[in-house]
N, C-alpha and C. Protein backbone atom coordinates (compact mmCIF):
# COMPACT_ATOMS: atom_id res chain seq x y z
N MET A 1 101.96 146.12 74.05
CA MET A 1 102.44 145.00 73.28
C MET A 1 103.72 145.39 72.51
N PHE A 2 103.67 146.57 71.90
CA PHE A 2 104.83 147.05 71.15
C PHE A 2 106.04 147.20 72.07
N ASN A 3 105.80 147.75 73.28
CA ASN A 3 106.89 147.94 74.24
C ASN A 3 107.51 146.60 74.66
N LYS A 4 106.68 145.57 74.79
CA LYS A 4 107.18 144.25 75.15
C LYS A 4 108.06 143.68 74.05
N ALA A 5 107.66 143.92 72.81
CA ALA A 5 108.44 143.43 71.67
C ALA A 5 109.81 144.13 71.62
N ILE A 6 109.80 145.43 71.84
CA ILE A 6 111.06 146.19 71.85
C ILE A 6 111.95 145.69 72.99
N ALA A 7 111.37 145.48 74.16
CA ALA A 7 112.15 145.00 75.30
C ALA A 7 112.76 143.63 75.01
N LYS A 8 112.03 142.77 74.34
CA LYS A 8 112.53 141.44 74.00
C LYS A 8 113.68 141.53 73.00
N ILE A 9 113.55 142.44 72.01
CA ILE A 9 114.63 142.64 71.03
C ILE A 9 115.89 143.14 71.74
N LYS A 10 115.71 144.09 72.65
CA LYS A 10 116.86 144.61 73.41
C LYS A 10 117.51 143.52 74.25
N GLU A 11 116.68 142.61 74.76
CA GLU A 11 117.20 141.50 75.56
C GLU A 11 118.02 140.54 74.69
N TRP A 12 117.54 140.28 73.49
CA TRP A 12 118.24 139.36 72.59
C TRP A 12 119.50 139.99 71.99
N PHE A 13 119.43 141.31 71.72
CA PHE A 13 120.55 142.02 71.09
C PHE A 13 120.95 143.23 71.93
N PRO A 14 121.59 143.00 73.06
CA PRO A 14 121.93 144.13 73.93
C PRO A 14 123.00 145.03 73.28
N ALA A 15 122.88 146.31 73.51
CA ALA A 15 123.87 147.27 73.01
C ALA A 15 125.13 147.15 73.85
N PRO A 16 126.28 147.21 73.22
CA PRO A 16 127.52 147.14 74.01
C PRO A 16 127.69 148.41 74.84
N GLU A 17 128.32 148.26 75.99
CA GLU A 17 128.59 149.40 76.86
C GLU A 17 129.77 150.16 76.29
N VAL A 18 129.64 151.48 76.23
CA VAL A 18 130.72 152.31 75.69
C VAL A 18 131.12 153.36 76.71
N HIS A 19 132.35 153.85 76.58
CA HIS A 19 132.87 154.88 77.46
C HIS A 19 133.58 155.92 76.62
N ALA A 20 133.44 157.17 77.01
CA ALA A 20 134.15 158.26 76.33
C ALA A 20 134.51 159.33 77.36
N HIS A 21 135.65 159.97 77.14
CA HIS A 21 136.06 161.03 78.06
C HIS A 21 135.63 162.41 77.56
N CYS A 22 135.08 162.47 76.35
CA CYS A 22 134.71 163.77 75.79
C CYS A 22 133.44 163.62 74.96
N ASP A 23 132.89 164.74 74.54
CA ASP A 23 131.65 164.73 73.77
C ASP A 23 131.83 164.21 72.35
N GLY A 24 133.00 164.43 71.78
CA GLY A 24 133.24 164.03 70.40
C GLY A 24 134.33 162.99 70.32
N PRO A 25 134.49 162.40 69.16
CA PRO A 25 135.57 161.42 69.00
C PRO A 25 136.93 162.07 69.23
N CYS A 26 137.85 161.34 69.78
CA CYS A 26 139.18 161.88 70.03
C CYS A 26 139.80 162.38 68.73
N GLY A 27 140.49 163.46 68.83
CA GLY A 27 141.16 164.01 67.67
C GLY A 27 140.45 165.18 67.04
N VAL A 28 139.23 165.49 67.47
CA VAL A 28 138.51 166.60 66.86
C VAL A 28 138.81 167.92 67.54
N TYR A 29 139.52 167.90 68.64
CA TYR A 29 139.82 169.12 69.37
C TYR A 29 141.11 169.74 68.87
N ASP A 30 141.12 171.07 68.81
CA ASP A 30 142.30 171.79 68.34
C ASP A 30 142.14 173.25 68.77
N PRO A 31 143.16 173.83 69.39
CA PRO A 31 143.04 175.21 69.84
C PRO A 31 143.20 176.25 68.73
N SER A 32 143.37 175.81 67.49
CA SER A 32 143.60 176.77 66.40
C SER A 32 142.42 177.69 66.17
N ALA A 33 141.20 177.21 66.35
CA ALA A 33 140.03 178.08 66.17
C ALA A 33 140.05 179.22 67.18
N ALA A 34 140.44 178.93 68.41
CA ALA A 34 140.53 179.98 69.43
C ALA A 34 141.59 181.01 69.04
N ARG A 35 142.71 180.54 68.48
CA ARG A 35 143.77 181.46 68.04
C ARG A 35 143.27 182.38 66.93
N ILE A 36 142.60 181.81 65.96
CA ILE A 36 142.10 182.60 64.83
C ILE A 36 141.11 183.65 65.32
N ASN A 37 140.21 183.25 66.20
CA ASN A 37 139.21 184.19 66.73
C ASN A 37 139.87 185.27 67.58
N ALA A 38 140.80 184.87 68.44
CA ALA A 38 141.48 185.85 69.30
C ALA A 38 142.30 186.82 68.46
N GLU A 39 142.88 186.32 67.39
CA GLU A 39 143.65 187.20 66.50
C GLU A 39 142.74 188.23 65.83
N ALA A 40 141.51 187.83 65.51
CA ALA A 40 140.55 188.77 64.94
C ALA A 40 140.17 189.84 65.97
N VAL A 41 140.06 189.44 67.24
CA VAL A 41 139.78 190.41 68.31
C VAL A 41 140.91 191.44 68.37
N LEU A 42 142.14 190.98 68.34
CA LEU A 42 143.29 191.87 68.37
C LEU A 42 143.29 192.79 67.14
N SER A 43 143.05 192.23 65.98
CA SER A 43 143.04 193.03 64.75
C SER A 43 141.96 194.11 64.79
N MET A 44 140.76 193.75 65.21
CA MET A 44 139.66 194.72 65.25
C MET A 44 139.93 195.79 66.31
N THR A 45 140.54 195.40 67.42
CA THR A 45 140.88 196.37 68.46
C THR A 45 141.86 197.41 67.90
N LYS A 46 142.86 196.94 67.17
CA LYS A 46 143.82 197.86 66.55
C LYS A 46 143.12 198.78 65.55
N LYS A 47 142.22 198.23 64.76
CA LYS A 47 141.52 199.02 63.75
C LYS A 47 140.63 200.08 64.40
N ILE A 48 139.97 199.71 65.48
CA ILE A 48 139.11 200.67 66.20
C ILE A 48 139.96 201.82 66.73
N LEU A 49 141.08 201.47 67.35
CA LEU A 49 141.94 202.51 67.93
C LEU A 49 142.58 203.39 66.86
N ASP A 50 142.81 202.84 65.68
CA ASP A 50 143.45 203.62 64.59
C ASP A 50 142.45 204.47 63.79
N LEU A 51 141.19 204.13 63.85
CA LEU A 51 140.20 204.83 63.03
C LEU A 51 139.97 206.25 63.55
N GLN A 52 140.11 207.20 62.69
CA GLN A 52 139.94 208.61 63.07
C GLN A 52 138.58 209.12 62.59
N PRO A 53 137.86 209.81 63.48
CA PRO A 53 136.58 210.38 63.05
C PRO A 53 136.82 211.52 62.04
N PRO A 54 135.86 211.73 61.15
CA PRO A 54 136.03 212.78 60.16
C PRO A 54 135.81 214.17 60.76
N ALA A 55 136.14 215.14 59.99
CA ALA A 55 135.93 216.53 60.41
C ALA A 55 134.43 216.78 60.58
N ALA A 56 134.11 217.66 61.49
CA ALA A 56 132.71 217.99 61.74
C ALA A 56 132.07 218.58 60.49
N GLY A 57 130.81 218.28 60.27
CA GLY A 57 130.05 218.86 59.18
C GLY A 57 129.97 218.00 57.93
N ASP A 58 130.81 217.00 57.80
CA ASP A 58 130.78 216.14 56.61
C ASP A 58 129.91 214.92 56.92
N GLN A 59 128.63 215.01 56.57
CA GLN A 59 127.67 213.95 56.93
C GLN A 59 128.00 212.62 56.25
N ASN A 60 128.41 212.66 55.01
CA ASN A 60 128.74 211.41 54.31
C ASN A 60 129.95 210.74 54.96
N ALA A 61 130.96 211.52 55.27
CA ALA A 61 132.15 210.95 55.92
C ALA A 61 131.80 210.42 57.31
N MET A 62 130.91 211.13 58.03
CA MET A 62 130.50 210.67 59.35
C MET A 62 129.71 209.36 59.25
N ALA A 63 128.85 209.25 58.27
CA ALA A 63 128.07 208.02 58.08
C ALA A 63 129.01 206.84 57.77
N THR A 64 130.00 207.10 56.92
CA THR A 64 130.98 206.06 56.60
C THR A 64 131.76 205.66 57.84
N TYR A 65 132.19 206.64 58.62
CA TYR A 65 132.93 206.38 59.86
C TYR A 65 132.07 205.55 60.82
N GLN A 66 130.83 205.95 61.03
CA GLN A 66 129.96 205.23 61.96
C GLN A 66 129.69 203.80 61.48
N ASN A 67 129.53 203.64 60.19
CA ASN A 67 129.33 202.31 59.64
C ASN A 67 130.56 201.44 59.89
N THR A 68 131.72 201.99 59.62
CA THR A 68 132.97 201.24 59.77
C THR A 68 133.23 200.88 61.23
N ILE A 69 133.08 201.84 62.12
CA ILE A 69 133.36 201.57 63.54
C ILE A 69 132.35 200.56 64.09
N THR A 70 131.12 200.64 63.63
CA THR A 70 130.09 199.69 64.07
C THR A 70 130.46 198.28 63.62
N ARG A 71 130.91 198.15 62.40
CA ARG A 71 131.32 196.85 61.88
C ARG A 71 132.51 196.30 62.67
N TYR A 72 133.50 197.13 62.93
CA TYR A 72 134.67 196.69 63.70
C TYR A 72 134.27 196.21 65.09
N ILE A 73 133.40 196.97 65.73
CA ILE A 73 132.95 196.60 67.08
C ILE A 73 132.18 195.30 67.05
N GLN A 74 131.29 195.16 66.09
CA GLN A 74 130.48 193.94 65.98
C GLN A 74 131.38 192.73 65.77
N ILE A 75 132.35 192.84 64.89
CA ILE A 75 133.27 191.73 64.63
C ILE A 75 134.10 191.41 65.87
N LYS A 76 134.61 192.43 66.55
CA LYS A 76 135.42 192.24 67.76
C LYS A 76 134.62 191.48 68.82
N GLU A 77 133.40 191.90 69.05
CA GLU A 77 132.58 191.25 70.08
C GLU A 77 132.20 189.83 69.68
N GLU A 78 131.86 189.63 68.42
CA GLU A 78 131.51 188.30 67.95
C GLU A 78 132.70 187.35 68.07
N GLN A 79 133.87 187.81 67.66
CA GLN A 79 135.06 186.96 67.72
C GLN A 79 135.51 186.69 69.15
N ALA A 80 135.32 187.66 70.04
CA ALA A 80 135.64 187.43 71.46
C ALA A 80 134.72 186.34 72.03
N GLN A 81 133.46 186.37 71.67
CA GLN A 81 132.52 185.34 72.13
C GLN A 81 132.89 183.97 71.55
N LEU A 82 133.24 183.94 70.28
CA LEU A 82 133.66 182.67 69.67
C LEU A 82 134.94 182.13 70.31
N THR A 83 135.86 183.03 70.64
CA THR A 83 137.09 182.61 71.33
C THR A 83 136.73 181.96 72.66
N LYS A 84 135.84 182.61 73.39
CA LYS A 84 135.42 182.06 74.69
C LYS A 84 134.78 180.69 74.52
N GLU A 85 133.92 180.55 73.54
CA GLU A 85 133.26 179.25 73.32
C GLU A 85 134.27 178.16 72.98
N GLU A 86 135.23 178.47 72.12
CA GLU A 86 136.26 177.48 71.77
C GLU A 86 137.09 177.09 72.98
N LEU A 87 137.47 178.08 73.79
CA LEU A 87 138.25 177.79 74.99
C LEU A 87 137.46 176.96 75.98
N LEU A 88 136.19 177.29 76.18
CA LEU A 88 135.37 176.54 77.13
C LEU A 88 135.17 175.09 76.69
N ILE A 89 135.06 174.88 75.39
CA ILE A 89 134.94 173.51 74.88
C ILE A 89 136.21 172.73 75.20
N LEU A 90 137.36 173.33 74.94
CA LEU A 90 138.62 172.65 75.27
C LEU A 90 138.71 172.36 76.77
N TRP A 91 138.37 173.36 77.56
CA TRP A 91 138.49 173.25 79.02
C TRP A 91 137.58 172.16 79.57
N THR A 92 136.34 172.19 79.15
CA THR A 92 135.35 171.29 79.77
C THR A 92 135.25 169.93 79.10
N ASP A 93 135.60 169.84 77.81
CA ASP A 93 135.42 168.58 77.10
C ASP A 93 136.72 167.83 76.83
N TYR A 94 137.80 168.54 76.62
CA TYR A 94 139.05 167.84 76.28
C TYR A 94 139.91 167.53 77.51
N PHE A 95 140.23 168.54 78.30
CA PHE A 95 141.17 168.36 79.39
C PHE A 95 140.57 167.47 80.48
N LYS A 96 141.42 166.58 80.99
CA LYS A 96 141.00 165.58 81.97
C LYS A 96 141.74 165.79 83.28
N PRO A 97 141.29 165.15 84.36
CA PRO A 97 141.95 165.32 85.66
C PRO A 97 143.45 165.03 85.63
N GLU A 98 143.89 164.07 84.85
CA GLU A 98 145.33 163.77 84.82
C GLU A 98 146.16 164.91 84.23
N HIS A 99 145.53 165.78 83.43
CA HIS A 99 146.25 166.93 82.90
C HIS A 99 146.57 167.95 84.00
N LEU A 100 145.78 167.95 85.04
CA LEU A 100 146.02 168.86 86.17
C LEU A 100 147.32 168.53 86.90
N GLN A 101 147.72 167.29 86.85
CA GLN A 101 148.99 166.92 87.49
C GLN A 101 150.16 167.62 86.82
N LYS A 102 150.12 167.67 85.50
CA LYS A 102 151.21 168.30 84.76
C LYS A 102 151.03 169.82 84.71
N TYR A 103 149.78 170.27 84.70
CA TYR A 103 149.47 171.71 84.61
C TYR A 103 148.55 172.12 85.76
N PRO A 104 149.10 172.32 86.95
CA PRO A 104 148.25 172.66 88.09
C PRO A 104 147.54 174.01 87.93
N ASP A 105 148.04 174.86 87.03
CA ASP A 105 147.40 176.15 86.79
C ASP A 105 146.41 176.11 85.63
N LEU A 106 146.06 174.91 85.16
CA LEU A 106 145.17 174.76 84.01
C LEU A 106 143.85 175.49 84.21
N HIS A 107 143.17 175.23 85.32
CA HIS A 107 141.87 175.87 85.56
C HIS A 107 142.00 177.39 85.62
N ASP A 108 143.00 177.87 86.32
CA ASP A 108 143.21 179.31 86.44
C ASP A 108 143.52 179.93 85.07
N THR A 109 144.29 179.24 84.26
CA THR A 109 144.63 179.74 82.92
C THR A 109 143.37 179.88 82.07
N PHE A 110 142.53 178.87 82.07
CA PHE A 110 141.30 178.93 81.27
C PHE A 110 140.33 179.97 81.82
N TRP A 111 140.21 180.03 83.15
CA TRP A 111 139.29 180.98 83.76
C TRP A 111 139.71 182.41 83.39
N LYS A 112 140.99 182.70 83.51
CA LYS A 112 141.48 184.05 83.18
C LYS A 112 141.33 184.34 81.69
N ALA A 113 141.54 183.35 80.85
CA ALA A 113 141.37 183.55 79.40
C ALA A 113 139.91 183.85 79.08
N ALA A 114 138.99 183.15 79.71
CA ALA A 114 137.56 183.42 79.48
C ALA A 114 137.20 184.83 79.96
N LYS A 115 137.77 185.25 81.08
CA LYS A 115 137.54 186.60 81.58
C LYS A 115 138.10 187.65 80.62
N LEU A 116 139.24 187.35 80.00
CA LEU A 116 139.81 188.27 79.02
C LEU A 116 138.91 188.38 77.79
N CYS A 117 138.28 187.28 77.40
CA CYS A 117 137.32 187.35 76.29
C CYS A 117 136.21 188.33 76.61
N SER A 118 135.70 188.25 77.83
CA SER A 118 134.64 189.18 78.24
C SER A 118 135.13 190.61 78.26
N ALA A 119 136.34 190.82 78.79
CA ALA A 119 136.91 192.16 78.84
C ALA A 119 137.06 192.73 77.44
N CYS A 120 137.49 191.90 76.50
CA CYS A 120 137.67 192.37 75.12
C CYS A 120 136.34 192.71 74.45
N LYS A 121 135.27 192.11 74.93
CA LYS A 121 133.95 192.46 74.38
C LYS A 121 133.50 193.82 74.86
N VAL A 122 133.73 194.14 76.12
CA VAL A 122 133.16 195.37 76.69
C VAL A 122 134.11 196.55 76.66
N GLU A 123 135.37 196.31 76.26
CA GLU A 123 136.36 197.37 76.23
C GLU A 123 137.01 197.44 74.85
N VAL A 124 137.75 198.48 74.65
CA VAL A 124 138.64 198.58 73.49
C VAL A 124 140.03 198.74 74.09
N SER A 125 140.62 197.61 74.45
CA SER A 125 141.88 197.61 75.17
C SER A 125 142.89 196.76 74.41
N LEU A 126 143.90 197.42 73.89
CA LEU A 126 144.97 196.70 73.21
C LEU A 126 145.71 195.79 74.19
N GLU A 127 145.85 196.25 75.42
CA GLU A 127 146.52 195.44 76.45
C GLU A 127 145.78 194.13 76.67
N HIS A 128 144.45 194.20 76.83
CA HIS A 128 143.67 192.98 77.07
C HIS A 128 143.64 192.09 75.83
N ALA A 129 143.59 192.67 74.64
CA ALA A 129 143.60 191.86 73.42
C ALA A 129 144.93 191.11 73.29
N ASN A 130 146.03 191.77 73.62
CA ASN A 130 147.34 191.10 73.60
C ASN A 130 147.43 190.02 74.68
N GLN A 131 146.90 190.30 75.86
CA GLN A 131 146.89 189.30 76.93
C GLN A 131 146.06 188.07 76.53
N LEU A 132 144.97 188.32 75.81
CA LEU A 132 144.15 187.20 75.34
C LEU A 132 144.97 186.33 74.39
N MET A 133 145.70 186.94 73.48
CA MET A 133 146.54 186.17 72.56
C MET A 133 147.59 185.37 73.34
N GLU A 134 148.18 185.97 74.36
CA GLU A 134 149.18 185.27 75.18
C GLU A 134 148.54 184.08 75.91
N SER A 135 147.32 184.25 76.40
CA SER A 135 146.63 183.16 77.08
C SER A 135 146.31 182.02 76.12
N VAL A 136 145.86 182.37 74.94
CA VAL A 136 145.55 181.35 73.94
C VAL A 136 146.82 180.62 73.54
N GLN A 137 147.93 181.33 73.46
CA GLN A 137 149.21 180.68 73.15
C GLN A 137 149.59 179.69 74.24
N LYS A 138 149.41 180.08 75.49
CA LYS A 138 149.73 179.18 76.61
C LYS A 138 148.85 177.93 76.55
N ILE A 139 147.57 178.11 76.24
CA ILE A 139 146.65 176.98 76.14
C ILE A 139 147.04 176.10 74.96
N HIS A 140 147.42 176.71 73.86
CA HIS A 140 147.91 175.97 72.68
C HIS A 140 149.07 175.06 73.10
N GLN A 141 150.02 175.61 73.83
CA GLN A 141 151.19 174.84 74.24
C GLN A 141 150.81 173.70 75.19
N MET A 142 149.92 173.97 76.14
CA MET A 142 149.49 172.92 77.06
C MET A 142 148.77 171.82 76.29
N PHE A 143 147.86 172.22 75.41
CA PHE A 143 147.07 171.26 74.65
C PHE A 143 147.97 170.30 73.88
N TRP A 144 148.88 170.85 73.08
CA TRP A 144 149.71 169.99 72.24
C TRP A 144 150.69 169.16 73.06
N ALA A 145 151.10 169.67 74.20
CA ALA A 145 151.98 168.89 75.08
C ALA A 145 151.25 167.65 75.61
N THR A 146 149.94 167.77 75.85
CA THR A 146 149.19 166.60 76.33
C THR A 146 149.11 165.52 75.27
N LYS A 147 149.34 165.89 74.03
CA LYS A 147 149.34 164.93 72.92
C LYS A 147 150.77 164.55 72.52
N SER A 148 151.74 165.02 73.31
CA SER A 148 153.17 164.77 73.04
C SER A 148 153.55 165.19 71.62
N ARG A 149 153.02 166.35 71.24
CA ARG A 149 153.33 166.89 69.91
C ARG A 149 153.85 168.31 70.06
N ASP A 150 154.77 168.67 69.21
CA ASP A 150 155.32 170.02 69.20
C ASP A 150 154.75 170.74 67.97
N VAL A 151 153.64 171.41 68.16
CA VAL A 151 152.99 172.13 67.07
C VAL A 151 153.32 173.61 67.24
N ALA A 152 153.95 174.16 66.22
CA ALA A 152 154.42 175.54 66.29
C ALA A 152 153.26 176.51 66.46
N TRP A 153 153.49 177.54 67.26
CA TRP A 153 152.55 178.65 67.43
C TRP A 153 152.85 179.66 66.34
N TYR A 154 151.85 180.10 65.67
CA TYR A 154 152.04 181.15 64.68
C TYR A 154 150.81 182.03 64.63
N LYS A 155 150.99 183.21 64.12
CA LYS A 155 149.88 184.15 63.94
C LYS A 155 149.79 184.50 62.46
N ALA A 156 148.61 184.78 62.01
CA ALA A 156 148.40 185.12 60.61
C ALA A 156 148.87 186.53 60.30
N SER A 157 148.89 187.38 61.32
CA SER A 157 149.28 188.77 61.05
C SER A 157 150.59 189.12 61.72
């Protein structure tokens, strides 16, 4: 009986049909989060490579070193994963088939950027961290061009 009443209400007051090209309302997408995260990956990679282990025999200095390197690694891996998530959201939710006409390398660019995120998680490679920043910059430029806006690329560091 309850189901019949609900069906009758739906019949009297039908919901309007809606269409959307993305999961969220237009305007909520922005590649800046990917840039910030990728920049943290680059920063942590530099810090890991610059950190020098202490002299043998100093247990307190070794504990401090291990704590610091562990923190740097954890942050680098976390930020690389966040970069990947931000990029995948842009790739799968924002970009549409018509963007491929203007950017035929769009899929390849995102795929390679996601692979660089993974590489930055499992390696300590300044080269890959810099390549990730370059990929995010390219995606930034493509993204804003689809909105006919010239948004400057900048880095915090």
